[in-house]
Amino acid sequence: MGKLPRTIIWENGIVKMVDQTLLPKKLKIIECRTVDEILDAIKSMKIRGAPAIGVAAAMTIAMVAKQNENESKQILISKIYETIDKIRNSRPTARNLFWAIERIIKVIDLRKDSIQIVNDIINEALRIAEEDVLMNMRIGEIGEKLINDGDNILTYCNAGTFATVYYGTALGIIRSAWRNNKKIHVFIAETRPQLQGARITAFELKAEGIPLTLVTDNAIGFLMQKKKISKVFVGADRILCDGTIYNKIGTYTIAVLSKVHNIPFYVAAPSTTFDLQSRVDDVKIEERSADEVVKVLSRYRIAPKSINVLNYAFDITPPSYVTGIITEKGIILPPFNENIPKILGIS
């Protein structure tokens, strides 16, 4: 895919990832050799996006397992579960992180010796990464059929290669449409306060050669009013069984505006993002540092010192505002509480 690398890779026990805080100025690969380095990368958003965070969680456990493969089984298992506890507390809202942990736990067979356990964990982490790529490409293949020649598409935050291992969800759909020679134009909302749209999505689409226009977040309603937007495609960090969507703060606002202006609002996510057990009140919405709001990219202060700040990382979009959810298993339409288990193949 052009010059863009994979967001995260495993190389001889070292976890390598793109430092997304440096985009668009610099495309730099950093190497993580300790749990604390990866946890810092997750918390500081050097790596971000629900699918990418899930893979980072799996590879962190694999890294610790590899580092302790010569220890007794008791010490190895203790180190693994200590790592799991730390990862669980890194970012609370994205479902893929917890899904990846659950999947790694399932392959830990205490009847095997330490080396076999380590190999099983590493192989499962690598499978999770490869499956993410295949799911994203399938989402792109399915979702691009919703895009017509001449569409002006709005996307928010970054649901592209850098939010996944490779290719992307919402941007994967846009990318697939472009590669199928559909004449499209993409409006990118800047996505305050960390500017993932301006910094990362614009970087990705520019690298692909896809026509784009960057707009401020508060211009979205006016663009819709002027009939500049044909369709909206966003990603998701968690989806409940009734179709409730958790995504970057501001997504709910866009969904409401889309409904008012009769614009299709689509969510793209792999099946790994679905949480079919939790209810709305069960999900914790992450609150992040005030520095992200009172300073531009946590550096240049734009607000007075010592003021109260509320910085939610995500919001909640009710299913009534969602036109459809695009997964690698198909497009899910309302009623979601009936069609989500049907499309995902869950009885």
Foldseek 3Di string as FASTA:
>chain_A
DFPDAFQWDDDPLKIKGFQLLCFPVDGDIDIDQALVVLLCCLQLPRAAALARLLLSLLSNLLSLLVVCLVPFPVVSVVSSVVSLVSSCPSAFFFQSNVLSVVQLVVQQDPVDGSNVNSVSSVVSSVVSQVVQVVFQLLLLVFLLVVDAAPAEEEEEADQASRNHRHGGWLNVVVLSNVVVVRHYEYEFELAPLSRNRVGPVVSVCVSSVHHYDYDYLVCLLVCLVVVVHAAYEYEARAAEQQGKGKDFPSLQVNLVSCVVSVHAYEYTDAPSRYDHPDDPVVGDFDWDDPLSPQARSSPHGDDDPPDDDTGTGIDIHHRVSHQWYGTSQHIFGPSRNPRVCVSVVHD
